[in-house]
Amino acid sequence: MKEFIFYTFEGYTESPTGKVLENLQILGFEKGENENQAFKTLINNNQWIIKSGFNKDKIISKQLAI
């Protein structure tokens, strides 16, 4: 199986000093025969992603070289 990382530009992070930082949000890692299968598994196993307001169309994935 192939492993993928899923991330988005949506959202932000706060630094230890309280400064708002724009960055990437890592949503998770998942395995699958292909990107689509891994994405479906990610969403099924992590429903908080959609409930938190992340847009599925803005989620980016990259296959990891392992």
N, C-alpha and C. Protein backbone atom coordinates (compact mmCIF):
# COMPACT_ATOMS: atom_id res chain seq x y z
N MET A 1 0.83 -1.19 0.00
CA MET A 1 0.00 0.00 0.00
C MET A 1 0.87 1.25 0.00
N LYS A 2 0.34 2.30 -0.56
CA LYS A 2 1.02 3.59 -0.61
C LYS A 2 0.56 4.43 0.59
N GLU A 3 1.43 5.31 1.05
CA GLU A 3 1.08 6.19 2.16
C GLU A 3 1.07 7.64 1.69
N PHE A 4 0.07 8.39 2.16
CA PHE A 4 -0.12 9.78 1.75
C PHE A 4 -0.20 10.69 2.96
N ILE A 5 0.22 11.93 2.78
CA ILE A 5 0.01 12.98 3.77
C ILE A 5 -1.06 13.90 3.21
N PHE A 6 -1.96 14.36 4.08
CA PHE A 6 -3.05 15.25 3.67
C PHE A 6 -2.93 16.55 4.45
N TYR A 7 -3.01 17.67 3.72
CA TYR A 7 -2.85 18.97 4.36
C TYR A 7 -3.67 20.02 3.62
N THR A 8 -3.78 21.21 4.23
CA THR A 8 -4.55 22.29 3.64
C THR A 8 -3.93 23.63 4.02
N PHE A 9 -4.23 24.64 3.21
CA PHE A 9 -3.83 26.01 3.52
C PHE A 9 -4.89 26.70 4.39
N GLU A 10 -6.04 26.05 4.59
CA GLU A 10 -7.10 26.63 5.42
C GLU A 10 -6.67 26.65 6.88
N GLY A 11 -7.11 27.65 7.59
CA GLY A 11 -6.82 27.74 9.01
C GLY A 11 -5.53 28.49 9.29
N TYR A 12 -5.16 28.53 10.56
CA TYR A 12 -3.95 29.21 10.98
C TYR A 12 -3.48 28.60 12.30
N THR A 13 -2.31 29.03 12.73
CA THR A 13 -1.72 28.59 13.99
C THR A 13 -1.38 29.81 14.81
N GLU A 14 -1.39 29.66 16.12
CA GLU A 14 -1.00 30.74 17.01
C GLU A 14 0.35 30.41 17.63
N SER A 15 1.26 31.37 17.60
CA SER A 15 2.59 31.15 18.16
C SER A 15 2.52 31.18 19.69
N PRO A 16 3.57 30.74 20.37
CA PRO A 16 3.59 30.80 21.84
C PRO A 16 3.40 32.22 22.39
N THR A 17 3.71 33.23 21.59
CA THR A 17 3.54 34.62 22.04
C THR A 17 2.17 35.19 21.66
N GLY A 18 1.32 34.36 21.04
CA GLY A 18 -0.03 34.78 20.69
C GLY A 18 -0.16 35.38 19.30
N LYS A 19 0.89 35.38 18.53
CA LYS A 19 0.85 35.92 17.16
C LYS A 19 0.19 34.91 16.22
N VAL A 20 -0.72 35.38 15.39
CA VAL A 20 -1.40 34.52 14.42
C VAL A 20 -0.45 34.29 13.24
N LEU A 21 -0.26 33.03 12.87
CA LEU A 21 0.63 32.64 11.79
C LEU A 21 -0.14 31.90 10.72
N GLU A 22 0.02 32.31 9.48
CA GLU A 22 -0.57 31.56 8.37
C GLU A 22 0.40 30.44 8.00
N ASN A 23 -0.11 29.24 7.88
CA ASN A 23 0.74 28.11 7.53
C ASN A 23 -0.11 26.96 7.02
N LEU A 24 0.49 25.84 6.78
CA LEU A 24 -0.22 24.65 6.36
C LEU A 24 -0.73 23.90 7.59
N GLN A 25 -1.89 23.27 7.46
CA GLN A 25 -2.44 22.45 8.51
C GLN A 25 -2.35 20.99 8.07
N ILE A 26 -1.59 20.19 8.81
CA ILE A 26 -1.52 18.76 8.53
C ILE A 26 -2.80 18.12 9.08
N LEU A 27 -3.54 17.46 8.24
CA LEU A 27 -4.80 16.83 8.65
C LEU A 27 -4.63 15.36 8.96
N GLY A 28 -3.62 14.72 8.38
CA GLY A 28 -3.41 13.32 8.71
C GLY A 28 -2.60 12.59 7.66
N PHE A 29 -2.37 11.34 7.98
CA PHE A 29 -1.65 10.42 7.11
C PHE A 29 -2.55 9.20 6.92
N GLU A 30 -2.53 8.64 5.73
CA GLU A 30 -3.37 7.46 5.48
C GLU A 30 -2.75 6.62 4.38
N LYS A 31 -3.04 5.33 4.44
CA LYS A 31 -2.57 4.38 3.44
C LYS A 31 -3.72 3.95 2.53
N GLY A 32 -3.37 3.61 1.30
CA GLY A 32 -4.36 3.12 0.35
C GLY A 32 -3.69 2.63 -0.91
N GLU A 33 -4.45 1.94 -1.72
CA GLU A 33 -3.94 1.47 -3.01
C GLU A 33 -3.64 2.66 -3.93
N ASN A 34 -4.39 3.76 -3.73
CA ASN A 34 -4.19 4.98 -4.51
C ASN A 34 -4.62 6.17 -3.67
N GLU A 35 -4.44 7.36 -4.22
CA GLU A 35 -4.75 8.59 -3.49
C GLU A 35 -6.23 8.68 -3.12
N ASN A 36 -7.11 8.33 -4.04
CA ASN A 36 -8.56 8.42 -3.76
C ASN A 36 -8.98 7.50 -2.63
N GLN A 37 -8.48 6.28 -2.63
CA GLN A 37 -8.82 5.33 -1.56
C GLN A 37 -8.30 5.83 -0.21
N ALA A 38 -7.08 6.34 -0.20
CA ALA A 38 -6.50 6.87 1.04
C ALA A 38 -7.30 8.07 1.54
N PHE A 39 -7.74 8.94 0.63
CA PHE A 39 -8.52 10.11 1.00
C PHE A 39 -9.86 9.70 1.61
N LYS A 40 -10.54 8.75 0.99
CA LYS A 40 -11.81 8.27 1.54
C LYS A 40 -11.63 7.69 2.94
N THR A 41 -10.57 6.93 3.13
CA THR A 41 -10.28 6.36 4.45
C THR A 41 -9.99 7.47 5.46
N LEU A 42 -9.22 8.48 5.05
CA LEU A 42 -8.92 9.61 5.93
C LEU A 42 -10.20 10.26 6.42
N ILE A 43 -11.10 10.57 5.51
CA ILE A 43 -12.35 11.25 5.88
C ILE A 43 -13.23 10.34 6.74
N ASN A 44 -13.32 9.06 6.39
CA ASN A 44 -14.14 8.13 7.18
C ASN A 44 -13.61 7.97 8.59
N ASN A 45 -12.30 7.95 8.75
CA ASN A 45 -11.69 7.74 10.07
C ASN A 45 -11.51 9.03 10.86
N ASN A 46 -11.70 10.16 10.22
CA ASN A 46 -11.46 11.46 10.87
C ASN A 46 -12.56 12.44 10.51
N GLN A 47 -13.76 12.15 10.94
CA GLN A 47 -14.90 13.00 10.59
C GLN A 47 -14.79 14.40 11.17
N TRP A 48 -13.90 14.60 12.14
CA TRP A 48 -13.67 15.93 12.70
C TRP A 48 -13.19 16.91 11.63
N ILE A 49 -12.55 16.39 10.57
CA ILE A 49 -12.03 17.26 9.51
C ILE A 49 -13.18 18.06 8.89
N ILE A 50 -14.23 17.40 8.50
CA ILE A 50 -15.38 18.07 7.88
C ILE A 50 -16.18 18.83 8.94
N LYS A 51 -16.37 18.23 10.11
CA LYS A 51 -17.12 18.90 11.19
C LYS A 51 -16.43 20.18 11.64
N SER A 52 -15.12 20.27 11.48
CA SER A 52 -14.37 21.47 11.86
C SER A 52 -14.42 22.54 10.78
N GLY A 53 -14.99 22.23 9.63
CA GLY A 53 -15.18 23.23 8.59
C GLY A 53 -14.17 23.20 7.46
N PHE A 54 -13.25 22.22 7.47
CA PHE A 54 -12.30 22.12 6.35
C PHE A 54 -13.04 21.70 5.09
N ASN A 55 -12.69 22.32 3.98
CA ASN A 55 -13.31 22.05 2.68
C ASN A 55 -12.58 20.88 2.02
N LYS A 56 -13.29 19.80 1.72
CA LYS A 56 -12.67 18.62 1.10
C LYS A 56 -11.98 18.97 -0.22
N ASP A 57 -12.51 19.97 -0.92
CA ASP A 57 -11.92 20.35 -2.21
C ASP A 57 -10.59 21.09 -2.07
N LYS A 58 -10.28 21.55 -0.87
CA LYS A 58 -9.04 22.29 -0.64
C LYS A 58 -7.98 21.44 0.06
N ILE A 59 -8.28 20.18 0.28
CA ILE A 59 -7.30 19.29 0.92
C ILE A 59 -6.33 18.78 -0.16
N ILE A 60 -5.06 18.91 0.14
CA ILE A 60 -3.99 18.53 -0.78
C ILE A 60 -3.36 17.24 -0.26
N SER A 61 -2.93 16.38 -1.16
CA SER A 61 -2.24 15.15 -0.72
C SER A 61 -0.97 14.95 -1.54
N LYS A 62 -0.04 14.33 -0.91
CA LYS A 62 1.21 13.96 -1.56
C LYS A 62 1.57 12.55 -1.11
N GLN A 63 2.01 11.73 -2.03
CA GLN A 63 2.45 10.39 -1.68
C GLN A 63 3.81 10.49 -1.00
N LEU A 64 3.97 9.75 0.08
CA LEU A 64 5.22 9.74 0.80
C LEU A 64 6.17 8.70 0.18
N ALA A 65 7.42 9.01 0.14
CA ALA A 65 8.44 8.08 -0.34
C ALA A 65 8.98 7.35 0.88
N ILE A 66 8.62 6.10 0.99
CA ILE A 66 9.01 5.33 2.18
C ILE A 66 9.89 4.17 1.73
